[in-house]
Amino acid sequence: MILFVGCSFTWGAGLQYEYLIEQENYSFEQIQKMIPPDYFLEHCSYKADKYRQEKHFPNIVAKYFDSAYCLAKNGNGGNNEEIKNLLYDSGMRVLGAQGQCKLVVVQFTDWQRSHHSEHEITDSKQIDEIAKHQIDSIRDAIGDTKWVGISWFEDMGKVMKKHYPQNYVPIFESGEELTGFEKLSTEGPSNRPHPYTIFGWAKDKGGNIPDTHFNSYGHQFIAKQIIKKIKENNLV
């Protein structure tokens, strides 16, 4: 079994919109009323949620290796502190702590979500120390199980690459190595949306969905990066 843990990107937030528009003829106006935090995507229909499960990158990676898989959290969202706690819980109770999990795939999220301070932190050295502490705590929670990590933000990814190169998943896009996928989930040059996002997918269809989570193409792209790392290191 492969265990996946992360935030809304791992869960597959926004993929439901593809299904609802293409299969159930929802309008973009209807979808715009379903954007978190004003709406819980867990409230979507059975078929829309099954579409999410089929299209998100955990399923694509697990299917490639013909492996069972699960998420450490069934609901949407997350932070690095929660990821640490979920890994302890999964290892000791949910999965039984008997070696059922062969590999953990961690998607690190924004370090600021788990760091509470009265003052804005801008010093790069201090940011690196905070990021390393969060990565180290997640590493400790994983224990002896094999693992790889991919990052949303590049600052976390840079620290990961420096201190855990054997576990670090690089992201190659247009010949450039990215230490995180934040550039893929934002608007491109001249405000042209990247093809990886729900926002970009909606624009191509003449609509507007203000959601920069990955569309199904984006999940396929991220899955390829993770698969490459796993294959190169013979982890499954």
C-alpha atoms as a PDB file:
ATOM      1  CA  MET A   1       0.000   0.000   0.000  1.00  0.00           C
ATOM      2  CA  ILE A   2       1.079   3.581  -0.740  1.00  0.00           C
ATOM      3  CA  LEU A   3       0.030   6.239   1.773  1.00  0.00           C
ATOM      4  CA  PHE A   4      -0.509   9.772   0.475  1.00  0.00           C
ATOM      5  CA  VAL A   5      -0.679  12.808   2.707  1.00  0.00           C
ATOM      6  CA  GLY A   6      -0.875  16.499   1.843  1.00  0.00           C
ATOM      7  CA  CYS A   7      -3.370  19.322   1.537  1.00  0.00           C
ATOM      8  CA  SER A   8      -6.156  20.151  -0.926  1.00  0.00           C
ATOM      9  CA  PHE A   9      -3.856  19.507  -3.896  1.00  0.00           C
ATOM     10  CA  THR A  10      -3.420  15.873  -2.869  1.00  0.00           C
ATOM     11  CA  TRP A  11      -7.111  15.493  -2.110  1.00  0.00           C
ATOM     12  CA  GLY A  12      -8.019  16.773  -5.574  1.00  0.00           C
ATOM     13  CA  ALA A  13     -10.032  19.869  -4.736  1.00  0.00           C
ATOM     14  CA  GLY A  14     -11.760  21.319  -7.784  1.00  0.00           C
ATOM     15  CA  LEU A  15     -11.769  18.197  -9.936  1.00  0.00           C
ATOM     16  CA  GLN A  16     -15.453  17.835  -9.122  1.00  0.00           C
ATOM     17  CA  TYR A  17     -16.147  20.924 -11.220  1.00  0.00           C
ATOM     18  CA  GLU A  18     -14.922  19.177 -14.363  1.00  0.00           C
ATOM     19  CA  TYR A  19     -17.400  16.362 -13.815  1.00  0.00           C
ATOM     20  CA  LEU A  20     -20.318  18.605 -12.870  1.00  0.00           C
ATOM     21  CA  ILE A  21     -19.898  20.822 -15.938  1.00  0.00           C
ATOM     22  CA  GLU A  22     -19.132  18.092 -18.474  1.00  0.00           C
ATOM     23  CA  GLN A  23     -21.410  15.321 -17.180  1.00  0.00           C
ATOM     24  CA  GLU A  24     -24.236  17.048 -15.307  1.00  0.00           C
ATOM     25  CA  ASN A  25     -24.447  20.307 -17.286  1.00  0.00           C
ATOM     26  CA  TYR A  26     -23.794  22.618 -14.372  1.00  0.00           C
ATOM     27  CA  SER A  27     -23.324  26.251 -15.356  1.00  0.00           C
ATOM     28  CA  PHE A  28     -20.234  28.236 -14.374  1.00  0.00           C
ATOM     29  CA  GLU A  29     -22.541  30.415 -12.284  1.00  0.00           C
ATOM     30  CA  GLN A  30     -23.628  27.354 -10.291  1.00  0.00           C
ATOM     31  CA  ILE A  31     -20.034  26.251  -9.818  1.00  0.00           C
ATOM     32  CA  GLN A  32     -19.011  29.692  -8.551  1.00  0.00           C
ATOM     33  CA  LYS A  33     -21.381  29.162  -5.623  1.00  0.00           C
ATOM     34  CA  MET A  34     -19.507  25.970  -4.740  1.00  0.00           C
ATOM     35  CA  ILE A  35     -16.089  27.506  -4.066  1.00  0.00           C
ATOM     36  CA  PRO A  36     -14.616  26.886  -0.579  1.00  0.00           C
ATOM     37  CA  PRO A  37     -14.750  28.219   2.085  1.00  0.00           C
ATOM     38  CA  ASP A  38     -18.343  29.104   1.250  1.00  0.00           C
ATOM     39  CA  TYR A  39     -19.052  25.500   0.279  1.00  0.00           C
ATOM     40  CA  PHE A  40     -17.762  22.109   1.404  1.00  0.00           C
ATOM     41  CA  LEU A  41     -16.576  20.060  -1.568  1.00  0.00           C
ATOM     42  CA  GLU A  42     -17.194  16.989   0.586  1.00  0.00           C
ATOM     43  CA  HIS A  43     -20.884  17.751  -0.003  1.00  0.00           C
ATOM     44  CA  CYS A  44     -20.592  17.009  -3.728  1.00  0.00           C
ATOM     45  CA  SER A  45     -22.474  14.091  -5.246  1.00  0.00           C
ATOM     46  CA  TYR A  46     -21.262  10.492  -5.148  1.00  0.00           C
ATOM     47  CA  LYS A  47     -20.347  10.515  -8.846  1.00  0.00           C
ATOM     48  CA  ALA A  48     -18.549  13.855  -8.647  1.00  0.00           C
ATOM     49  CA  ASP A  49     -16.488  12.600  -5.724  1.00  0.00           C
ATOM     50  CA  LYS A  50     -15.672   9.336  -7.501  1.00  0.00           C
ATOM     51  CA  TYR A  51     -14.448  11.431 -10.435  1.00  0.00           C
ATOM     52  CA  ARG A  52     -12.134  13.276  -8.031  1.00  0.00           C
ATOM     53  CA  GLN A  53     -10.795  10.003  -6.686  1.00  0.00           C
ATOM     54  CA  GLU A  54     -10.162   8.682 -10.177  1.00  0.00           C
ATOM     55  CA  LYS A  55      -8.396  11.798 -11.451  1.00  0.00           C
ATOM     56  CA  HIS A  56      -6.271  12.944  -8.510  1.00  0.00           C
ATOM     57  CA  PHE A  57      -2.556  12.164  -8.622  1.00  0.00           C
ATOM     58  CA  PRO A  58      -2.545   9.607  -5.759  1.00  0.00           C
ATOM     59  CA  ASN A  59      -4.762   7.290  -7.787  1.00  0.00           C
ATOM     60  CA  ILE A  60      -2.713   7.815 -10.959  1.00  0.00           C
ATOM     61  CA  VAL A  61       0.552   6.990  -9.150  1.00  0.00           C
ATOM     62  CA  ALA A  62      -0.873   3.951  -7.355  1.00  0.00           C
ATOM     63  CA  LYS A  63      -2.501   2.629 -10.525  1.00  0.00           C
ATOM     64  CA  TYR A  64       0.791   2.919 -12.421  1.00  0.00           C
ATOM     65  CA  PHE A  65       2.508   0.689  -9.846  1.00  0.00           C
ATOM     66  CA  ASP A  66      -0.537  -1.596  -9.496  1.00  0.00           C
ATOM     67  CA  SER A  67      -0.609  -0.815  -5.788  1.00  0.00           C
ATOM     68  CA  ALA A  68      -3.385  -0.266  -3.287  1.00  0.00           C
ATOM     69  CA  TYR A  69      -3.356   3.210  -1.777  1.00  0.00           C
ATOM     70  CA  CYS A  70      -5.082   5.426   0.758  1.00  0.00           C
ATOM     71  CA  LEU A  71      -5.075   9.017   1.926  1.00  0.00           C
ATOM     72  CA  ALA A  72      -4.121   9.839   5.496  1.00  0.00           C
ATOM     73  CA  LYS A  73      -7.065  12.261   5.562  1.00  0.00           C
ATOM     74  CA  ASN A  74     -10.416  11.727   3.878  1.00  0.00           C
ATOM     75  CA  GLY A  75     -11.414  15.391   3.883  1.00  0.00           C
ATOM     76  CA  ASN A  76     -10.121  18.435   2.049  1.00  0.00           C
ATOM     77  CA  GLY A  77      -7.268  20.704   3.185  1.00  0.00           C
ATOM     78  CA  GLY A  78      -4.328  20.430   5.553  1.00  0.00           C
ATOM     79  CA  ASN A  79      -1.137  21.915   6.977  1.00  0.00           C
ATOM     80  CA  ASN A  80       2.305  20.531   7.766  1.00  0.00           C
ATOM     81  CA  GLU A  81       1.615  20.109  11.468  1.00  0.00           C
ATOM     82  CA  GLU A  82      -1.535  18.183  10.657  1.00  0.00           C
ATOM     83  CA  ILE A  83       0.410  16.071   8.154  1.00  0.00           C
ATOM     84  CA  LYS A  84       2.809  15.106  10.938  1.00  0.00           C
ATOM     85  CA  ASN A  85      -0.067  14.147  13.247  1.00  0.00           C
ATOM     86  CA  LEU A  86      -1.874  12.222  10.514  1.00  0.00           C
ATOM     87  CA  LEU A  87       1.267  10.212   9.813  1.00  0.00           C
ATOM     88  CA  TYR A  88       1.616   9.251  13.462  1.00  0.00           C
ATOM     89  CA  ASP A  89      -2.063   8.317  13.546  1.00  0.00           C
ATOM     90  CA  SER A  90      -1.903   6.366  10.288  1.00  0.00           C
ATOM     91  CA  GLY A  91       1.214   4.482  11.292  1.00  0.00           C
ATOM     92  CA  MET A  92       0.098   3.557  14.784  1.00  0.00           C
ATOM     93  CA  ARG A  93      -3.653   3.068  14.453  1.00  0.00           C
ATOM     94  CA  VAL A  94      -5.273   3.495  11.047  1.00  0.00           C
ATOM     95  CA  LEU A  95      -2.899   1.149   9.216  1.00  0.00           C
ATOM     96  CA  GLY A  96      -2.171  -1.033  12.211  1.00  0.00           C
ATOM     97  CA  ALA A  97       1.596  -0.377  12.554  1.00  0.00           C
ATOM     98  CA  GLN A  98       2.419  -3.798  11.109  1.00  0.00           C
ATOM     99  CA  GLY A  99       4.175  -2.869   7.883  1.00  0.00           C
ATOM    100  CA  GLN A 100       1.115  -2.517   5.644  1.00  0.00           C
ATOM    101  CA  CYS A 101       2.484   0.723   4.172  1.00  0.00           C
ATOM    102  CA  LYS A 102       5.380   0.272   1.719  1.00  0.00           C
ATOM    103  CA  LEU A 103       5.791   3.910   0.726  1.00  0.00           C
ATOM    104  CA  VAL A 104       4.654   7.338   1.920  1.00  0.00           C
ATOM    105  CA  VAL A 105       4.198  10.191  -0.546  1.00  0.00           C
ATOM    106  CA  VAL A 106       4.181  13.556   1.222  1.00  0.00           C
ATOM    107  CA  GLN A 107       2.953  16.736  -0.423  1.00  0.00           C
ATOM    108  CA  PHE A 108       4.328  19.540   1.730  1.00  0.00           C
ATOM    109  CA  THR A 109       2.111  22.589   2.007  1.00  0.00           C
ATOM    110  CA  ASP A 110       2.724  26.230   3.009  1.00  0.00           C
ATOM    111  CA  TRP A 111       4.995  26.408   6.081  1.00  0.00           C
ATOM    112  CA  GLN A 112       3.153  29.521   7.267  1.00  0.00           C
ATOM    113  CA  ARG A 113      -0.014  27.518   7.892  1.00  0.00           C
ATOM    114  CA  SER A 114       1.695  25.774  10.805  1.00  0.00           C
ATOM    115  CA  HIS A 115       3.841  28.627  12.109  1.00  0.00           C
ATOM    116  CA  HIS A 116       2.041  31.144  14.273  1.00  0.00           C
ATOM    117  CA  SER A 117       3.889  34.386  14.897  1.00  0.00           C
ATOM    118  CA  GLU A 118       2.924  37.935  15.793  1.00  0.00           C
ATOM    119  CA  HIS A 119       5.406  39.242  13.257  1.00  0.00           C
ATOM    120  CA  GLU A 120       5.846  38.597   9.551  1.00  0.00           C
ATOM    121  CA  ILE A 121       8.925  36.494   8.878  1.00  0.00           C
ATOM    122  CA  THR A 122      10.944  37.590   5.857  1.00  0.00           C
ATOM    123  CA  ASP A 123      14.484  36.504   6.781  1.00  0.00           C
ATOM    124  CA  SER A 124      15.421  33.683   4.407  1.00  0.00           C
ATOM    125  CA  LYS A 125      17.618  31.910   6.954  1.00  0.00           C
ATOM    126  CA  GLN A 126      14.826  31.872   9.521  1.00  0.00           C
ATOM    127  CA  ILE A 127      12.355  30.624   6.911  1.00  0.00           C
ATOM    128  CA  ASP A 128      14.747  27.800   6.009  1.00  0.00           C
ATOM    129  CA  GLU A 129      15.051  26.838   9.684  1.00  0.00           C
ATOM    130  CA  ILE A 130      11.277  26.743  10.112  1.00  0.00           C
ATOM    131  CA  ALA A 131      10.853  24.712   6.923  1.00  0.00           C
ATOM    132  CA  LYS A 132      13.545  22.229   7.958  1.00  0.00           C
ATOM    133  CA  HIS A 133      11.969  21.800  11.382  1.00  0.00           C
ATOM    134  CA  GLN A 134       8.623  21.004   9.761  1.00  0.00           C
ATOM    135  CA  ILE A 135      10.187  18.565   7.302  1.00  0.00           C
ATOM    136  CA  ASP A 136      12.210  16.899  10.073  1.00  0.00           C
ATOM    137  CA  SER A 137       9.104  16.428  12.229  1.00  0.00           C
ATOM    138  CA  ILE A 138       7.254  14.827   9.325  1.00  0.00           C
ATOM    139  CA  ARG A 139      10.264  12.625   8.611  1.00  0.00           C
ATOM    140  CA  ASP A 140      10.271  11.471  12.230  1.00  0.00           C
ATOM    141  CA  ALA A 141       6.568  10.665  12.026  1.00  0.00           C
ATOM    142  CA  ILE A 142       7.160   8.458   8.963  1.00  0.00           C
ATOM    143  CA  GLY A 143       9.669   6.318  10.812  1.00  0.00           C
ATOM    144  CA  ASP A 144      11.481   3.604   8.862  1.00  0.00           C
ATOM    145  CA  THR A 145       9.034   3.493   5.930  1.00  0.00           C
ATOM    146  CA  LYS A 146      10.347   4.596   2.530  1.00  0.00           C
ATOM    147  CA  TRP A 147       9.113   8.003   1.464  1.00  0.00           C
ATOM    148  CA  VAL A 148       9.293  10.778  -1.108  1.00  0.00           C
ATOM    149  CA  GLY A 149       8.233  14.396  -0.835  1.00  0.00           C
ATOM    150  CA  ILE A 150       6.961  16.982  -3.277  1.00  0.00           C
ATOM    151  CA  SER A 151       6.348  20.607  -2.327  1.00  0.00           C
ATOM    152  CA  TRP A 152       3.729  23.197  -3.172  1.00  0.00           C
ATOM    153  CA  PHE A 153       5.970  26.177  -2.399  1.00  0.00           C
ATOM    154  CA  GLU A 154       9.522  26.467  -3.637  1.00  0.00           C
ATOM    155  CA  ASP A 155      10.976  27.578  -0.292  1.00  0.00           C
ATOM    156  CA  MET A 156       9.989  24.267   1.316  1.00  0.00           C
ATOM    157  CA  GLY A 157      11.221  22.403  -1.764  1.00  0.00           C
ATOM    158  CA  LYS A 158      14.641  24.078  -1.677  1.00  0.00           C
ATOM    159  CA  VAL A 159      15.152  23.000   1.922  1.00  0.00           C
ATOM    160  CA  MET A 160      13.947  19.512   1.034  1.00  0.00           C
ATOM    161  CA  LYS A 161      16.403  19.298  -1.870  1.00  0.00           C
ATOM    162  CA  LYS A 162      19.316  20.418   0.323  1.00  0.00           C
ATOM    163  CA  HIS A 163      18.723  18.191   3.334  1.00  0.00           C
ATOM    164  CA  TYR A 164      16.756  15.246   1.890  1.00  0.00           C
ATOM    165  CA  PRO A 165      17.913  14.907  -1.743  1.00  0.00           C
ATOM    166  CA  GLN A 166      17.209  11.159  -1.755  1.00  0.00           C
ATOM    167  CA  ASN A 167      13.545  11.850  -0.970  1.00  0.00           C
ATOM    168  CA  TYR A 168      13.075  15.110  -2.858  1.00  0.00           C
ATOM    169  CA  VAL A 169      10.831  15.011  -5.949  1.00  0.00           C
ATOM    170  CA  PRO A 170      11.972  17.604  -8.521  1.00  0.00           C
ATOM    171  CA  ILE A 171       9.424  19.069 -10.900  1.00  0.00           C
ATOM    172  CA  PHE A 172      10.557  19.547 -14.484  1.00  0.00           C
ATOM    173  CA  GLU A 173       8.494  21.897 -16.598  1.00  0.00           C
ATOM    174  CA  SER A 174       9.622  23.238 -19.990  1.00  0.00           C
ATOM    175  CA  GLY A 175      13.207  22.222 -19.255  1.00  0.00           C
ATOM    176  CA  GLU A 176      13.298  24.024 -15.896  1.00  0.00           C
ATOM    177  CA  GLU A 177      13.611  22.336 -12.518  1.00  0.00           C
ATOM    178  CA  LEU A 178      11.126  23.665  -9.997  1.00  0.00           C
ATOM    179  CA  THR A 179      11.495  22.877  -6.302  1.00  0.00           C
ATOM    180  CA  GLY A 180       7.759  23.424  -5.860  1.00  0.00           C
ATOM    181  CA  PHE A 181       4.687  23.556  -8.058  1.00  0.00           C
ATOM    182  CA  GLU A 182       3.505  27.037  -7.000  1.00  0.00           C
ATOM    183  CA  LYS A 183       4.302  28.483 -10.454  1.00  0.00           C
ATOM    184  CA  LEU A 184       2.070  25.855 -12.036  1.00  0.00           C
ATOM    185  CA  SER A 185      -0.895  26.903  -9.921  1.00  0.00           C
ATOM    186  CA  THR A 186      -0.731  30.613 -10.728  1.00  0.00           C
ATOM    187  CA  GLU A 187      -1.427  32.709 -13.799  1.00  0.00           C
ATOM    188  CA  GLY A 188       1.199  32.692 -16.514  1.00  0.00           C
ATOM    189  CA  PRO A 189       2.764  35.554 -18.490  1.00  0.00           C
ATOM    190  CA  SER A 190       0.360  38.259 -19.678  1.00  0.00           C
ATOM    191  CA  ASN A 191      -2.265  36.854 -17.285  1.00  0.00           C
ATOM    192  CA  ARG A 192      -2.619  33.732 -19.380  1.00  0.00           C
ATOM    193  CA  PRO A 193      -3.630  30.893 -17.075  1.00  0.00           C
ATOM    194  CA  HIS A 194      -1.453  27.826 -16.881  1.00  0.00           C
ATOM    195  CA  PRO A 195      -3.018  24.715 -18.455  1.00  0.00           C
ATOM    196  CA  TYR A 196      -2.634  22.839 -15.165  1.00  0.00           C
ATOM    197  CA  THR A 197      -5.345  24.625 -13.172  1.00  0.00           C
ATOM    198  CA  ILE A 198      -9.113  24.526 -12.870  1.00  0.00           C
ATOM    199  CA  PHE A 199      -9.020  28.244 -13.626  1.00  0.00           C
ATOM    200  CA  GLY A 200      -7.182  27.607 -16.887  1.00  0.00           C
ATOM    201  CA  TRP A 201      -9.493  24.726 -17.789  1.00  0.00           C
ATOM    202  CA  ALA A 202     -12.543  26.938 -17.280  1.00  0.00           C
ATOM    203  CA  LYS A 203     -11.055  29.761 -19.364  1.00  0.00           C
ATOM    204  CA  ASP A 204     -10.514  27.344 -22.245  1.00  0.00           C
ATOM    205  CA  LYS A 205     -14.216  26.535 -22.082  1.00  0.00           C
ATOM    206  CA  GLY A 206     -15.243  30.183 -22.050  1.00  0.00           C
ATOM    207  CA  GLY A 207     -16.093  30.323 -18.367  1.00  0.00           C
ATOM    208  CA  ASN A 208     -14.628  31.447 -15.096  1.00  0.00           C
ATOM    209  CA  ILE A 209     -13.891  29.387 -11.988  1.00  0.00           C
ATOM    210  CA  PRO A 210     -11.631  31.249  -9.529  1.00  0.00           C
ATOM    211  CA  ASP A 211      -9.799  28.118  -8.426  1.00  0.00           C
ATOM    212  CA  THR A 212      -6.099  27.517  -9.050  1.00  0.00           C
ATOM    213  CA  HIS A 213      -6.025  23.919  -7.836  1.00  0.00           C
ATOM    214  CA  PHE A 214      -4.968  21.380 -10.436  1.00  0.00           C
ATOM    215  CA  ASN A 215      -7.302  20.171 -13.151  1.00  0.00           C
ATOM    216  CA  SER A 216      -7.084  16.557 -14.324  1.00  0.00           C
ATOM    217  CA  TYR A 217      -4.223  17.415 -16.681  1.00  0.00           C
ATOM    218  CA  GLY A 218      -2.334  19.040 -13.811  1.00  0.00           C
ATOM    219  CA  HIS A 219      -2.752  15.917 -11.689  1.00  0.00           C
ATOM    220  CA  GLN A 220      -1.398  13.784 -14.532  1.00  0.00           C
ATOM    221  CA  PHE A 221       1.619  16.077 -14.772  1.00  0.00           C
ATOM    222  CA  ILE A 222       2.378  15.911 -11.038  1.00  0.00           C
ATOM    223  CA  ALA A 223       1.870  12.140 -11.033  1.00  0.00           C
ATOM    224  CA  LYS A 224       4.560  11.790 -13.718  1.00  0.00           C
ATOM    225  CA  GLN A 225       7.078  13.615 -11.541  1.00  0.00           C
ATOM    226  CA  ILE A 226       6.378  11.348  -8.578  1.00  0.00           C
ATOM    227  CA  ILE A 227       6.379   8.173 -10.684  1.00  0.00           C
ATOM    228  CA  LYS A 228       9.762   9.104 -12.146  1.00  0.00           C
ATOM    229  CA  LYS A 229      11.270   9.519  -8.672  1.00  0.00           C
ATOM    230  CA  ILE A 230       9.828   6.239  -7.424  1.00  0.00           C
ATOM    231  CA  LYS A 231      11.031   4.315 -10.474  1.00  0.00           C
ATOM    232  CA  GLU A 232      14.539   5.785 -10.370  1.00  0.00           C
ATOM    233  CA  ASN A 233      14.939   4.685  -6.758  1.00  0.00           C
ATOM    234  CA  ASN A 234      13.039   1.390  -7.021  1.00  0.00           C
ATOM    235  CA  LEU A 235      10.825   2.298  -4.073  1.00  0.00           C
ATOM    236  CA  VAL A 236       7.827   0.094  -4.910  1.00  0.00           C
END
